[in-house]
Amino acid sequence: MENLEYVEEEYRLKRRIYEEQENDLLRKRNKGIETLEEVQDRSRYYLKDFVPEGDILTRGLHQIEQMKKEILEMARADRQNLARKLEKLDEDYHSQMRKLIEKDRQGDGFKC
């Protein structure tokens, strides 16, 4: 039984770590997007009257939009990677639990 408890404890610990990584990733993604949107809004507000060619400002704002898309894409890829790790962790956990339970059952059969 101690092995079962150990496997469960390890599984929960690793799962919690992955979940914390995902939460941290989402916070960073949101902060990055928020910062870019703030730069975009301030640029639009403060520079609209001072930039002689509106095209330059438009290009800069477009580049900020591209940066936001890149952040979202990187975060999506990182979340998919974490999801794969969680899936593998779940598979390994269930496999280990099945093996330990089967081993425990077989051990009980020889105790006659």
N, C-alpha and C. Protein backbone atom coordinates (compact mmCIF):
# COMPACT_ATOMS: atom_id res chain seq x y z
N MET A 1 0.80 -1.21 0.00
CA MET A 1 0.00 0.00 0.00
C MET A 1 0.85 1.27 0.00
N GLU A 2 2.02 1.18 0.61
CA GLU A 2 2.87 2.37 0.67
C GLU A 2 3.26 2.82 -0.73
N ASN A 3 3.49 1.89 -1.62
CA ASN A 3 3.84 2.24 -3.00
C ASN A 3 2.69 2.98 -3.68
N LEU A 4 1.46 2.53 -3.44
CA LEU A 4 0.30 3.21 -4.01
C LEU A 4 0.21 4.64 -3.52
N GLU A 5 0.41 4.83 -2.25
CA GLU A 5 0.34 6.17 -1.68
C GLU A 5 1.45 7.06 -2.23
N TYR A 6 2.64 6.48 -2.37
CA TYR A 6 3.76 7.23 -2.92
C TYR A 6 3.48 7.65 -4.36
N VAL A 7 2.97 6.74 -5.17
CA VAL A 7 2.66 7.04 -6.57
C VAL A 7 1.59 8.13 -6.64
N GLU A 8 0.57 8.03 -5.80
CA GLU A 8 -0.48 9.04 -5.78
C GLU A 8 0.07 10.41 -5.38
N GLU A 9 0.91 10.41 -4.36
CA GLU A 9 1.48 11.67 -3.89
C GLU A 9 2.35 12.32 -4.97
N GLU A 10 3.17 11.53 -5.62
CA GLU A 10 4.02 12.03 -6.70
C GLU A 10 3.17 12.58 -7.85
N TYR A 11 2.13 11.85 -8.19
CA TYR A 11 1.24 12.26 -9.26
C TYR A 11 0.60 13.61 -8.93
N ARG A 12 0.06 13.74 -7.73
CA ARG A 12 -0.59 15.00 -7.33
C ARG A 12 0.40 16.17 -7.33
N LEU A 13 1.61 15.91 -6.85
CA LEU A 13 2.62 16.96 -6.82
C LEU A 13 2.96 17.42 -8.24
N LYS A 14 3.23 16.49 -9.13
CA LYS A 14 3.58 16.84 -10.51
C LYS A 14 2.41 17.53 -11.21
N ARG A 15 1.21 17.04 -10.96
CA ARG A 15 0.02 17.64 -11.57
C ARG A 15 -0.14 19.09 -11.10
N ARG A 16 0.05 19.32 -9.82
CA ARG A 16 -0.06 20.67 -9.27
C ARG A 16 0.99 21.59 -9.90
N ILE A 17 2.20 21.07 -10.08
CA ILE A 17 3.26 21.86 -10.70
C ILE A 17 2.87 22.26 -12.12
N TYR A 18 2.36 21.31 -12.90
CA TYR A 18 1.93 21.63 -14.27
C TYR A 18 0.78 22.64 -14.27
N GLU A 19 -0.15 22.49 -13.36
CA GLU A 19 -1.27 23.43 -13.29
C GLU A 19 -0.79 24.83 -12.91
N GLU A 20 0.18 24.91 -12.00
CA GLU A 20 0.75 26.21 -11.63
C GLU A 20 1.49 26.82 -12.81
N GLN A 21 2.19 25.99 -13.58
CA GLN A 21 2.88 26.49 -14.77
C GLN A 21 1.88 27.06 -15.77
N GLU A 22 0.75 26.38 -15.93
CA GLU A 22 -0.26 26.86 -16.86
C GLU A 22 -0.86 28.18 -16.37
N ASN A 23 -1.14 28.27 -15.08
CA ASN A 23 -1.67 29.53 -14.53
C ASN A 23 -0.67 30.66 -14.70
N ASP A 24 0.60 30.37 -14.46
CA ASP A 24 1.65 31.38 -14.63
C ASP A 24 1.74 31.82 -16.09
N LEU A 25 1.65 30.87 -16.99
CA LEU A 25 1.69 31.16 -18.42
C LEU A 25 0.52 32.08 -18.80
N LEU A 26 -0.66 31.78 -18.31
CA LEU A 26 -1.83 32.61 -18.63
C LEU A 26 -1.69 34.02 -18.06
N ARG A 27 -1.15 34.12 -16.85
CA ARG A 27 -0.94 35.45 -16.26
C ARG A 27 0.04 36.25 -17.10
N LYS A 28 1.14 35.61 -17.50
CA LYS A 28 2.14 36.30 -18.31
C LYS A 28 1.58 36.70 -19.67
N ARG A 29 0.81 35.80 -20.28
CA ARG A 29 0.18 36.11 -21.57
C ARG A 29 -0.72 37.32 -21.44
N ASN A 30 -1.56 37.30 -20.42
CA ASN A 30 -2.50 38.41 -20.23
C ASN A 30 -1.78 39.72 -19.93
N LYS A 31 -0.72 39.66 -19.14
CA LYS A 31 0.06 40.86 -18.82
C LYS A 31 0.73 41.40 -20.08
N GLY A 32 1.27 40.51 -20.92
CA GLY A 32 1.91 40.95 -22.16
C GLY A 32 0.92 41.63 -23.10
N ILE A 33 -0.24 41.02 -23.25
CA ILE A 33 -1.28 41.61 -24.11
C ILE A 33 -1.74 42.94 -23.55
N GLU A 34 -1.94 42.98 -22.26
CA GLU A 34 -2.39 44.21 -21.59
C GLU A 34 -1.37 45.34 -21.79
N THR A 35 -0.09 45.02 -21.65
CA THR A 35 0.96 46.02 -21.82
C THR A 35 1.00 46.54 -23.26
N LEU A 36 0.90 45.62 -24.22
CA LEU A 36 0.89 46.05 -25.62
C LEU A 36 -0.32 46.91 -25.95
N GLU A 37 -1.46 46.55 -25.40
CA GLU A 37 -2.67 47.35 -25.64
C GLU A 37 -2.54 48.74 -25.03
N GLU A 38 -1.89 48.81 -23.89
CA GLU A 38 -1.67 50.12 -23.26
C GLU A 38 -0.74 50.99 -24.12
N VAL A 39 0.33 50.37 -24.64
CA VAL A 39 1.24 51.09 -25.53
C VAL A 39 0.50 51.55 -26.78
N GLN A 40 -0.34 50.68 -27.30
CA GLN A 40 -1.11 50.99 -28.50
C GLN A 40 -2.05 52.17 -28.24
N ASP A 41 -2.77 52.12 -27.15
CA ASP A 41 -3.71 53.20 -26.82
C ASP A 41 -2.99 54.52 -26.59
N ARG A 42 -1.91 54.48 -25.84
CA ARG A 42 -1.17 55.72 -25.56
C ARG A 42 -0.54 56.28 -26.83
N SER A 43 -0.03 55.40 -27.67
CA SER A 43 0.56 55.86 -28.93
C SER A 43 -0.49 56.55 -29.79
N ARG A 44 -1.61 55.90 -29.88
CA ARG A 44 -2.71 56.46 -30.66
C ARG A 44 -3.11 57.84 -30.10
N TYR A 45 -3.24 57.95 -28.81
CA TYR A 45 -3.70 59.18 -28.17
C TYR A 45 -2.66 60.30 -28.28
N TYR A 46 -1.41 60.00 -27.92
CA TYR A 46 -0.40 61.05 -27.86
C TYR A 46 0.25 61.37 -29.19
N LEU A 47 0.31 60.45 -30.09
CA LEU A 47 1.04 60.67 -31.34
C LEU A 47 0.17 61.06 -32.51
N LYS A 48 -1.12 60.90 -32.40
CA LYS A 48 -1.99 61.16 -33.56
C LYS A 48 -1.85 62.59 -34.07
N ASP A 49 -1.61 63.55 -33.18
CA ASP A 49 -1.50 64.95 -33.60
C ASP A 49 -0.06 65.34 -33.96
N PHE A 50 0.92 64.52 -33.56
CA PHE A 50 2.32 64.91 -33.75
C PHE A 50 3.02 64.18 -34.90
N VAL A 51 2.47 63.09 -35.33
CA VAL A 51 3.10 62.35 -36.42
C VAL A 51 2.59 62.94 -37.73
N PRO A 52 3.52 63.53 -38.51
CA PRO A 52 3.08 64.17 -39.75
C PRO A 52 2.44 63.20 -40.74
N GLU A 53 2.93 62.00 -40.76
CA GLU A 53 2.36 61.02 -41.67
C GLU A 53 1.63 59.97 -40.84
N GLY A 54 0.33 59.90 -41.00
CA GLY A 54 -0.47 58.93 -40.26
C GLY A 54 -0.09 57.50 -40.60
N ASP A 55 0.52 57.32 -41.75
CA ASP A 55 0.91 55.99 -42.20
C ASP A 55 1.95 55.37 -41.26
N ILE A 56 2.86 56.19 -40.75
CA ILE A 56 3.89 55.69 -39.84
C ILE A 56 3.24 55.17 -38.55
N LEU A 57 2.31 55.93 -38.03
CA LEU A 57 1.60 55.52 -36.82
C LEU A 57 0.79 54.25 -37.08
N THR A 58 0.15 54.19 -38.21
CA THR A 58 -0.64 53.00 -38.57
C THR A 58 0.24 51.77 -38.65
N ARG A 59 1.42 51.92 -39.26
CA ARG A 59 2.35 50.79 -39.34
C ARG A 59 2.81 50.34 -37.96
N GLY A 60 3.11 51.30 -37.09
CA GLY A 60 3.53 50.97 -35.73
C GLY A 60 2.43 50.25 -34.97
N LEU A 61 1.21 50.72 -35.12
CA LEU A 61 0.08 50.07 -34.46
C LEU A 61 -0.16 48.67 -35.02
N HIS A 62 0.06 48.53 -36.31
CA HIS A 62 -0.07 47.21 -36.93
C HIS A 62 1.00 46.25 -36.39
N GLN A 63 2.21 46.75 -36.17
CA GLN A 63 3.27 45.92 -35.61
C GLN A 63 2.91 45.47 -34.20
N ILE A 64 2.28 46.33 -33.44
CA ILE A 64 1.84 45.95 -32.10
C ILE A 64 0.79 44.85 -32.18
N GLU A 65 -0.12 44.94 -33.14
CA GLU A 65 -1.11 43.88 -33.34
C GLU A 65 -0.43 42.55 -33.67
N GLN A 66 0.62 42.62 -34.47
CA GLN A 66 1.37 41.40 -34.82
C GLN A 66 2.03 40.81 -33.57
N MET A 67 2.58 41.67 -32.73
CA MET A 67 3.20 41.21 -31.49
C MET A 67 2.17 40.51 -30.60
N LYS A 68 0.98 41.07 -30.53
CA LYS A 68 -0.08 40.46 -29.73
C LYS A 68 -0.43 39.07 -30.27
N LYS A 69 -0.50 38.95 -31.59
CA LYS A 69 -0.78 37.64 -32.19
C LYS A 69 0.33 36.64 -31.89
N GLU A 70 1.57 37.11 -31.92
CA GLU A 70 2.70 36.24 -31.63
C GLU A 70 2.65 35.75 -30.17
N ILE A 71 2.32 36.65 -29.26
CA ILE A 71 2.20 36.26 -27.85
C ILE A 71 1.11 35.21 -27.69
N LEU A 72 -0.02 35.43 -28.33
CA LEU A 72 -1.12 34.47 -28.23
C LEU A 72 -0.73 33.12 -28.83
N GLU A 73 -0.02 33.14 -29.93
CA GLU A 73 0.40 31.89 -30.57
C GLU A 73 1.42 31.14 -29.71
N MET A 74 2.38 31.86 -29.15
CA MET A 74 3.37 31.21 -28.28
C MET A 74 2.70 30.63 -27.04
N ALA A 75 1.77 31.37 -26.46
CA ALA A 75 1.06 30.89 -25.28
C ALA A 75 0.23 29.65 -25.62
N ARG A 76 -0.38 29.66 -26.78
CA ARG A 76 -1.18 28.50 -27.20
C ARG A 76 -0.28 27.27 -27.35
N ALA A 77 0.88 27.45 -27.97
CA ALA A 77 1.82 26.34 -28.15
C ALA A 77 2.32 25.83 -26.79
N ASP A 78 2.61 26.74 -25.88
CA ASP A 78 3.06 26.33 -24.55
C ASP A 78 1.96 25.60 -23.79
N ARG A 79 0.73 26.05 -23.94
CA ARG A 79 -0.39 25.37 -23.27
C ARG A 79 -0.60 23.97 -23.86
N GLN A 80 -0.44 23.83 -25.16
CA GLN A 80 -0.56 22.51 -25.78
C GLN A 80 0.54 21.58 -25.26
N ASN A 81 1.74 22.13 -25.11
CA ASN A 81 2.85 21.34 -24.59
C ASN A 81 2.55 20.89 -23.15
N LEU A 82 2.03 21.78 -22.34
CA LEU A 82 1.65 21.41 -20.97
C LEU A 82 0.52 20.38 -20.97
N ALA A 83 -0.41 20.53 -21.88
CA ALA A 83 -1.52 19.57 -21.96
C ALA A 83 -0.98 18.18 -22.31
N ARG A 84 0.00 18.11 -23.21
CA ARG A 84 0.61 16.82 -23.55
C ARG A 84 1.34 16.23 -22.34
N LYS A 85 2.02 17.08 -21.60
CA LYS A 85 2.71 16.60 -20.40
C LYS A 85 1.72 16.06 -19.37
N LEU A 86 0.61 16.77 -19.21
CA LEU A 86 -0.41 16.31 -18.27
C LEU A 86 -1.02 14.99 -18.72
N GLU A 87 -1.25 14.87 -20.01
CA GLU A 87 -1.80 13.63 -20.55
C GLU A 87 -0.84 12.47 -20.31
N LYS A 88 0.44 12.70 -20.56
CA LYS A 88 1.46 11.67 -20.33
C LYS A 88 1.54 11.32 -18.84
N LEU A 89 1.47 12.34 -17.99
CA LEU A 89 1.49 12.12 -16.55
C LEU A 89 0.31 11.26 -16.13
N ASP A 90 -0.87 11.56 -16.64
CA ASP A 90 -2.07 10.77 -16.32
C ASP A 90 -1.91 9.32 -16.79
N GLU A 91 -1.42 9.14 -18.00
CA GLU A 91 -1.23 7.79 -18.53
C GLU A 91 -0.24 7.01 -17.67
N ASP A 92 0.88 7.64 -17.33
CA ASP A 92 1.88 6.97 -16.51
C ASP A 92 1.34 6.62 -15.13
N TYR A 93 0.59 7.56 -14.56
CA TYR A 93 0.01 7.33 -13.24
C TYR A 93 -0.95 6.14 -13.26
N HIS A 94 -1.85 6.13 -14.21
CA HIS A 94 -2.81 5.02 -14.28
C HIS A 94 -2.12 3.69 -14.56
N SER A 95 -1.10 3.73 -15.38
CA SER A 95 -0.34 2.51 -15.67
C SER A 95 0.36 2.00 -14.41
N GLN A 96 1.00 2.90 -13.70
CA GLN A 96 1.69 2.50 -12.46
C GLN A 96 0.70 1.96 -11.43
N MET A 97 -0.44 2.62 -11.33
CA MET A 97 -1.45 2.18 -10.35
C MET A 97 -1.96 0.79 -10.71
N ARG A 98 -2.22 0.54 -11.99
CA ARG A 98 -2.68 -0.79 -12.42
C ARG A 98 -1.64 -1.85 -12.08
N LYS A 99 -0.38 -1.54 -12.37
CA LYS A 99 0.69 -2.51 -12.09
C LYS A 99 0.80 -2.78 -10.59
N LEU A 100 0.74 -1.74 -9.79
CA LEU A 100 0.86 -1.92 -8.35
C LEU A 100 -0.32 -2.68 -7.77
N ILE A 101 -1.51 -2.38 -8.25
CA ILE A 101 -2.70 -3.09 -7.77
C ILE A 101 -2.63 -4.55 -8.17
N GLU A 102 -2.22 -4.81 -9.42
CA GLU A 102 -2.09 -6.18 -9.88
C GLU A 102 -1.03 -6.93 -9.08
N LYS A 103 0.07 -6.27 -8.83
CA LYS A 103 1.15 -6.87 -8.04
C LYS A 103 0.67 -7.18 -6.62
N ASP A 104 -0.10 -6.25 -6.05
CA ASP A 104 -0.65 -6.44 -4.71
C ASP A 104 -1.61 -7.62 -4.68
N ARG A 105 -2.44 -7.74 -5.71
CA ARG A 105 -3.39 -8.86 -5.80
C ARG A 105 -2.66 -10.19 -5.92
N GLN A 106 -1.63 -10.20 -6.74
CA GLN A 106 -0.85 -11.43 -6.92
C GLN A 106 -0.13 -11.82 -5.64
N GLY A 107 0.32 -10.80 -4.90
CA GLY A 107 0.99 -11.06 -3.64
C GLY A 107 0.05 -11.67 -2.62
N ASP A 108 -1.23 -11.23 -2.64
CA ASP A 108 -2.23 -11.77 -1.72
C ASP A 108 -2.54 -13.22 -2.05
N GLY A 109 -2.46 -13.59 -3.30
CA GLY A 109 -2.79 -14.95 -3.72
C GLY A 109 -1.77 -15.98 -3.24
N PHE A 110 -0.56 -15.56 -2.98
CA PHE A 110 0.48 -16.50 -2.54
C PHE A 110 0.57 -16.63 -1.03
N LYS A 111 -0.23 -15.90 -0.29
CA LYS A 111 -0.12 -15.90 1.17
C LYS A 111 -0.82 -17.08 1.84
N CYS A 112 -1.55 -17.87 1.19
CA CYS A 112 -2.33 -18.98 1.74
C CYS A 112 -1.91 -19.37 3.08
